[in-house]
Amino acid sequence: MPELIDGLREWALESGPGVLWSVVSALLIFLVGRIIAQIIRGVVRRVMTRAKAASILVSFVGQLTYVALMIFVLLAALSRLGVNLTSAVAVLGAGALAIGFALQGSLANFAAGILLVIFRPFKIGDFVQGAGESGTVEEITLFTTQIVTPDNRTVIVPNAHITGGNIVNYSAKGTRRVDLVVGIAYESDVAKAKEVIQDELARDQRILADPAPTVAVVDLADSSVNLVVRPWTNAQDYWAVYFDTLESVKRRLDLEGITIPFPQQDVHVYRHGEAASSATEGDLT
């Protein structure tokens, strides 16, 4: 340690007060600049928080502001030491270009994450469909989005995959329409069936009165008259209403004696001899 101090003293004496002052002023520029950068970062975060920006965006913009200011501070300190900034900037630019090529996929996900945070096509807790996956959004980061599927699988999707296609947000509007198709036999009374289904829908308090449920003939199929049943409910009750309505409508139609048919096919079986005999008789006549 004494040797180091003696060495620094000798360097200072040989270099003269001009060089020593340059080092001291460069350190002052760095320290003061760092304090100012921290203050500005805090101001940016407070302003964005008051504007109710997303927390992840507040953190990112604040950190980006701090890094940008520190780069200027560092360049100013190096300039005070007499470093040739032209070559330094060229080296930094070449390094940034190389890193950019190496991280093309990550940068694409990063840019997509910024878009998700700014435009907010969905938020945490929404049930969405995107990038071939459906589930509840659990976490949104600058590179990935974490989705929990209905069967409790956690899927981590790169943000570029989500923004690269259609995004379906089932929770955005608060209410959803349940689409069901119920078939009844051709000999059944259509008006009575519609009345029974409407009455059954009115019993469920989870089904909204406005918009009113729709029950109408949608198709004359091969084996049945198909009725479309479309009640509205809150988004969080969608699947419960879907399953319960199917069951309750089936039970009620059975009680009312309204038949729900199934596809049928008549098959005629002939013995080989009977088929040949029938063909011969047909030729003779």
Protein backbone atom coordinates (compact mmCIF):
# COMPACT_ATOMS: atom_id res chain seq x y z
CA MET A 1 0.00 0.00 0.00
CA PRO A 2 2.74 2.57 0.79
CA GLU A 3 4.38 1.73 -2.52
CA LEU A 4 1.09 2.46 -4.34
CA ILE A 5 0.73 5.81 -2.62
CA ASP A 6 4.34 6.71 -3.40
CA GLY A 7 3.79 5.73 -7.03
CA LEU A 8 0.67 7.90 -7.34
CA ARG A 9 2.54 10.83 -5.73
CA GLU A 10 5.41 10.49 -8.17
CA TRP A 11 2.97 10.26 -11.12
CA ALA A 12 1.21 13.40 -9.96
CA LEU A 13 4.46 15.31 -9.59
CA GLU A 14 5.73 14.20 -12.98
CA SER A 15 2.43 14.82 -14.77
CA GLY A 16 1.95 18.25 -13.36
CA PRO A 17 -1.13 19.96 -11.92
CA GLY A 18 -2.92 20.11 -15.30
CA VAL A 19 -3.29 16.34 -15.61
CA LEU A 20 -4.20 15.96 -11.96
CA TRP A 21 -6.90 18.58 -12.32
CA SER A 22 -8.27 16.78 -15.39
CA VAL A 23 -8.61 13.54 -13.41
CA VAL A 24 -10.28 15.30 -10.48
CA SER A 25 -12.68 17.20 -12.72
CA ALA A 26 -13.53 14.00 -14.64
CA LEU A 27 -14.39 12.29 -11.36
CA LEU A 28 -16.51 15.25 -10.31
CA ILE A 29 -18.34 15.22 -13.64
CA PHE A 30 -19.04 11.50 -13.24
CA LEU A 31 -20.23 11.72 -9.62
CA VAL A 32 -22.36 14.84 -10.08
CA GLY A 33 -23.74 13.53 -13.37
CA ARG A 34 -24.69 10.25 -11.70
CA ILE A 35 -26.60 12.06 -8.97
CA ILE A 36 -28.43 14.21 -11.52
CA ALA A 37 -29.29 11.11 -13.60
CA GLN A 38 -30.77 9.42 -10.53
CA ILE A 39 -32.85 12.51 -9.73
CA ILE A 40 -34.17 12.71 -13.30
CA ARG A 41 -34.99 8.98 -13.25
CA GLY A 42 -37.00 9.48 -10.07
CA VAL A 43 -38.88 12.42 -11.58
CA VAL A 44 -39.73 10.43 -14.73
CA ARG A 45 -41.03 7.51 -12.65
CA ARG A 46 -43.19 9.76 -10.47
CA VAL A 47 -44.69 11.54 -13.47
CA MET A 48 -45.53 8.25 -15.21
CA THR A 49 -46.96 6.77 -12.02
CA ARG A 50 -49.26 9.78 -11.60
CA ALA A 51 -50.32 9.31 -15.22
CA LYS A 52 -51.32 5.72 -14.27
CA ALA A 53 -48.89 4.11 -16.69
CA ALA A 54 -48.22 0.37 -16.40
CA SER A 55 -45.68 -0.47 -13.70
CA ILE A 56 -43.47 -2.39 -16.13
CA LEU A 57 -43.43 0.61 -18.49
CA VAL A 58 -42.59 2.97 -15.60
CA SER A 59 -39.64 0.79 -14.60
CA PHE A 60 -38.41 0.40 -18.18
CA VAL A 61 -38.61 4.08 -19.15
CA GLY A 62 -37.01 5.15 -15.88
CA GLN A 63 -34.10 2.76 -16.33
CA LEU A 64 -33.70 3.67 -20.00
CA THR A 65 -33.57 7.36 -19.09
CA TYR A 66 -30.92 6.67 -16.46
CA VAL A 67 -28.74 4.60 -18.83
CA ALA A 68 -28.94 7.23 -21.59
CA LEU A 69 -27.95 10.02 -19.19
CA MET A 70 -25.09 7.97 -17.77
CA ILE A 71 -23.71 7.41 -21.29
CA PHE A 72 -23.57 11.18 -21.81
CA VAL A 73 -21.97 11.63 -18.39
CA LEU A 74 -19.36 8.99 -19.14
CA LEU A 75 -18.54 10.57 -22.51
CA ALA A 76 -18.21 13.97 -20.87
CA ALA A 77 -15.83 12.56 -18.24
CA LEU A 78 -13.72 10.82 -20.90
CA SER A 79 -13.62 14.02 -22.93
CA ARG A 80 -12.29 15.85 -19.87
CA LEU A 81 -9.48 13.28 -19.68
CA GLY A 82 -8.56 13.98 -23.29
CA VAL A 83 -9.89 10.71 -24.75
CA ASN A 84 -10.66 10.81 -28.47
CA LEU A 85 -14.46 10.44 -28.45
CA THR A 86 -14.68 9.81 -32.19
CA SER A 87 -12.91 6.47 -31.91
CA ALA A 88 -14.78 5.63 -28.69
CA VAL A 89 -18.16 6.26 -30.30
CA ALA A 90 -17.11 4.20 -33.34
CA VAL A 91 -16.17 1.27 -31.11
CA LEU A 92 -19.44 1.54 -29.19
CA GLY A 93 -21.42 1.67 -32.44
CA ALA A 94 -19.69 -1.40 -33.85
CA GLY A 95 -20.29 -3.28 -30.60
CA ALA A 96 -23.97 -2.29 -30.55
CA LEU A 97 -24.37 -3.43 -34.17
CA ALA A 98 -22.81 -6.82 -33.43
CA ILE A 99 -24.99 -7.29 -30.38
CA GLY A 100 -28.06 -6.30 -32.39
CA PHE A 101 -27.41 -9.00 -35.01
CA ALA A 102 -26.79 -11.60 -32.31
CA LEU A 103 -30.00 -10.76 -30.46
CA GLN A 104 -32.44 -10.28 -33.33
CA GLY A 105 -35.07 -12.60 -31.84
CA SER A 106 -34.75 -11.13 -28.36
CA LEU A 107 -34.96 -7.58 -29.72
CA ALA A 108 -38.12 -8.50 -31.65
CA ASN A 109 -39.68 -9.84 -28.45
CA PHE A 110 -38.52 -6.72 -26.63
CA ALA A 111 -40.12 -4.41 -29.20
CA ALA A 112 -43.33 -6.47 -29.08
CA GLY A 113 -43.32 -6.21 -25.29
CA ILE A 114 -43.13 -2.43 -25.52
CA LEU A 115 -46.13 -2.45 -27.88
CA LEU A 116 -48.11 -4.68 -25.50
CA VAL A 117 -47.36 -2.37 -22.57
CA ILE A 118 -48.20 0.80 -24.49
CA PHE A 119 -51.36 -0.29 -26.36
CA ARG A 120 -52.61 -2.78 -23.73
CA PRO A 121 -54.63 -5.23 -25.86
CA PHE A 122 -55.02 -7.23 -22.65
CA LYS A 123 -54.10 -7.00 -18.99
CA ILE A 124 -53.25 -9.42 -16.22
CA GLY A 125 -56.29 -11.54 -15.39
CA ASP A 126 -57.86 -11.41 -18.88
CA PHE A 127 -58.75 -14.62 -20.70
CA VAL A 128 -57.15 -14.34 -24.14
CA GLN A 129 -56.35 -16.36 -27.23
CA GLY A 130 -53.15 -15.72 -29.13
CA ALA A 131 -50.15 -17.48 -30.66
CA GLY A 132 -52.15 -20.71 -30.70
CA GLU A 133 -52.76 -20.65 -26.93
CA SER A 134 -55.80 -19.81 -24.81
CA GLY A 135 -55.77 -18.99 -21.11
CA THR A 136 -55.65 -16.40 -18.37
CA VAL A 137 -52.81 -13.85 -18.51
CA GLU A 138 -50.72 -14.24 -15.37
CA GLU A 139 -47.70 -12.05 -16.12
CA ILE A 140 -46.52 -9.64 -18.83
CA THR A 141 -42.80 -8.89 -19.18
CA LEU A 142 -40.84 -7.06 -21.85
CA PHE A 143 -39.87 -10.34 -23.54
CA THR A 144 -42.57 -12.91 -22.76
CA THR A 145 -46.19 -13.25 -21.65
CA GLN A 146 -47.14 -15.98 -19.19
CA ILE A 147 -50.53 -17.64 -19.73
CA VAL A 148 -52.28 -20.22 -17.52
CA THR A 149 -54.51 -22.54 -19.56
CA PRO A 150 -57.89 -23.83 -18.29
CA ASP A 151 -56.26 -27.19 -17.42
CA ASN A 152 -53.69 -25.31 -15.26
CA ARG A 153 -50.70 -25.46 -17.60
CA THR A 154 -48.33 -22.50 -17.58
CA VAL A 155 -47.38 -21.41 -21.09
CA ILE A 156 -44.64 -18.80 -21.61
CA VAL A 157 -45.18 -17.19 -25.02
CA PRO A 158 -42.63 -14.87 -26.70
CA ASN A 159 -44.20 -11.46 -27.17
CA ALA A 160 -43.34 -11.36 -30.89
CA HIS A 161 -45.50 -14.45 -31.44
CA ILE A 162 -48.46 -12.77 -29.77
CA THR A 163 -48.26 -9.48 -31.65
CA GLY A 164 -47.57 -11.31 -34.92
CA GLY A 165 -51.16 -12.62 -35.15
CA ASN A 166 -54.71 -11.99 -34.04
CA ILE A 167 -55.36 -11.47 -30.33
CA VAL A 168 -58.79 -12.44 -28.99
CA ASN A 169 -59.59 -10.93 -25.58
CA TYR A 170 -62.62 -12.66 -24.10
CA SER A 171 -62.59 -10.50 -20.97
CA ALA A 172 -62.41 -7.07 -22.58
CA LYS A 173 -66.15 -6.36 -22.68
CA GLY A 174 -67.20 -7.90 -19.37
CA THR A 175 -70.08 -9.91 -20.85
CA ARG A 176 -70.18 -12.82 -23.30
CA ARG A 177 -72.82 -14.61 -25.32
CA VAL A 178 -73.20 -18.36 -24.86
CA ASP A 179 -73.95 -20.09 -28.18
CA LEU A 180 -75.80 -23.42 -27.95
CA VAL A 181 -77.71 -25.52 -30.49
CA VAL A 182 -80.55 -27.78 -29.30
CA GLY A 183 -82.26 -30.21 -31.69
CA ILE A 184 -85.87 -31.37 -31.33
CA ALA A 185 -87.83 -33.95 -33.29
CA TYR A 186 -89.81 -32.88 -36.33
CA GLU A 187 -93.07 -34.03 -34.70
CA SER A 188 -92.43 -31.87 -31.60
CA ASP A 189 -94.13 -28.50 -31.09
CA VAL A 190 -91.54 -25.84 -31.95
CA ALA A 191 -93.42 -23.02 -30.20
CA LYS A 192 -93.72 -25.03 -27.00
CA ALA A 193 -90.04 -25.99 -27.12
CA LYS A 194 -89.03 -22.33 -27.47
CA GLU A 195 -91.30 -21.35 -24.58
CA VAL A 196 -89.88 -24.09 -22.35
CA ILE A 197 -86.28 -23.12 -23.10
CA GLN A 198 -86.99 -19.41 -22.49
CA ASP A 199 -88.60 -20.28 -19.15
CA GLU A 200 -85.59 -22.38 -18.16
CA LEU A 201 -83.20 -19.55 -19.06
CA ALA A 202 -85.20 -17.10 -16.95
CA ARG A 203 -84.67 -19.33 -13.88
CA ASP A 204 -80.89 -18.83 -13.99
CA GLN A 205 -79.95 -15.55 -12.26
CA ARG A 206 -76.51 -15.56 -13.93
CA ILE A 207 -78.17 -15.05 -17.32
CA LEU A 208 -78.67 -11.39 -18.13
CA ALA A 209 -82.08 -9.97 -18.98
CA ASP A 210 -80.49 -7.28 -21.17
CA PRO A 211 -79.54 -8.25 -23.82
CA ALA A 212 -82.42 -10.71 -23.82
CA PRO A 213 -81.66 -14.36 -24.63
CA THR A 214 -82.36 -15.52 -28.18
CA VAL A 215 -84.15 -18.82 -28.92
CA ALA A 216 -84.93 -19.37 -32.61
CA VAL A 217 -84.99 -22.01 -35.35
CA VAL A 218 -81.61 -22.02 -37.02
CA ASP A 219 -81.60 -25.16 -39.18
CA LEU A 220 -83.86 -27.90 -40.55
CA ALA A 221 -81.43 -30.76 -40.29
CA ASP A 222 -81.72 -34.37 -41.50
CA SER A 223 -82.96 -35.73 -38.16
CA SER A 224 -83.98 -32.67 -36.15
CA VAL A 225 -85.21 -29.11 -36.07
CA ASN A 226 -82.27 -27.20 -34.59
CA LEU A 227 -82.89 -24.30 -32.23
CA VAL A 228 -80.17 -21.78 -31.46
CA VAL A 229 -80.02 -20.81 -27.78
CA ARG A 230 -78.02 -17.63 -27.06
CA PRO A 231 -78.11 -16.26 -23.50
CA TRP A 232 -75.80 -13.49 -22.29
CA THR A 233 -73.81 -13.67 -19.05
CA ASN A 234 -70.83 -12.11 -17.30
CA ALA A 235 -67.49 -13.21 -18.70
CA GLN A 236 -66.42 -14.98 -15.51
CA ASP A 237 -69.63 -17.10 -15.55
CA TYR A 238 -69.35 -18.18 -19.19
CA TRP A 239 -68.36 -21.83 -18.82
CA ALA A 240 -70.57 -22.44 -15.78
CA VAL A 241 -73.59 -21.08 -17.66
CA TYR A 242 -72.62 -23.05 -20.77
CA PHE A 243 -72.54 -26.42 -19.01
CA ASP A 244 -75.46 -25.79 -16.66
CA THR A 245 -77.72 -24.52 -19.45
CA LEU A 246 -77.12 -27.60 -21.58
CA GLU A 247 -78.00 -29.86 -18.67
CA SER A 248 -81.04 -27.91 -17.48
CA VAL A 249 -82.51 -27.57 -20.99
CA LYS A 250 -82.10 -31.31 -21.61
CA ARG A 251 -83.77 -32.17 -18.30
CA ARG A 252 -86.66 -29.73 -18.86
CA LEU A 253 -87.36 -30.90 -22.41
CA ASP A 254 -87.51 -34.49 -21.15
CA LEU A 255 -90.03 -33.48 -18.47
CA GLU A 256 -92.19 -31.72 -21.07
CA GLY A 257 -92.15 -34.73 -23.38
CA ILE A 258 -90.23 -32.93 -26.13
CA THR A 259 -87.97 -35.37 -27.90
CA ILE A 260 -84.32 -34.65 -28.63
CA PRO A 261 -83.61 -36.98 -31.58
CA PHE A 262 -80.41 -38.63 -32.64
CA PRO A 263 -79.35 -39.58 -36.18
CA GLN A 264 -80.99 -42.78 -37.38
CA GLN A 265 -80.41 -44.96 -40.41
CA ASP A 266 -82.53 -47.83 -41.71
CA VAL A 267 -80.51 -50.87 -42.80
CA HIS A 268 -82.16 -53.64 -44.88
CA VAL A 269 -80.45 -57.05 -44.79
CA TYR A 270 -81.19 -59.75 -47.41
CA ARG A 271 -79.95 -63.30 -47.66
CA HIS A 272 -78.03 -64.09 -50.82
CA GLY A 273 -80.74 -66.39 -52.13
CA GLU A 274 -83.51 -63.91 -51.43
CA ALA A 275 -81.64 -61.17 -53.22
CA ALA A 276 -81.13 -63.36 -56.30
CA SER A 277 -84.77 -64.47 -56.25
CA SER A 278 -85.93 -60.88 -55.98
CA ALA A 279 -83.76 -59.93 -58.94
CA THR A 280 -85.16 -62.82 -61.08
CA GLU A 281 -88.73 -61.94 -60.26
CA GLY A 282 -88.03 -58.39 -61.24
CA ASP A 283 -86.70 -59.49 -64.63
CA LEU A 284 -89.74 -61.71 -65.33
CA THR A 285 -92.21 -58.97 -64.63
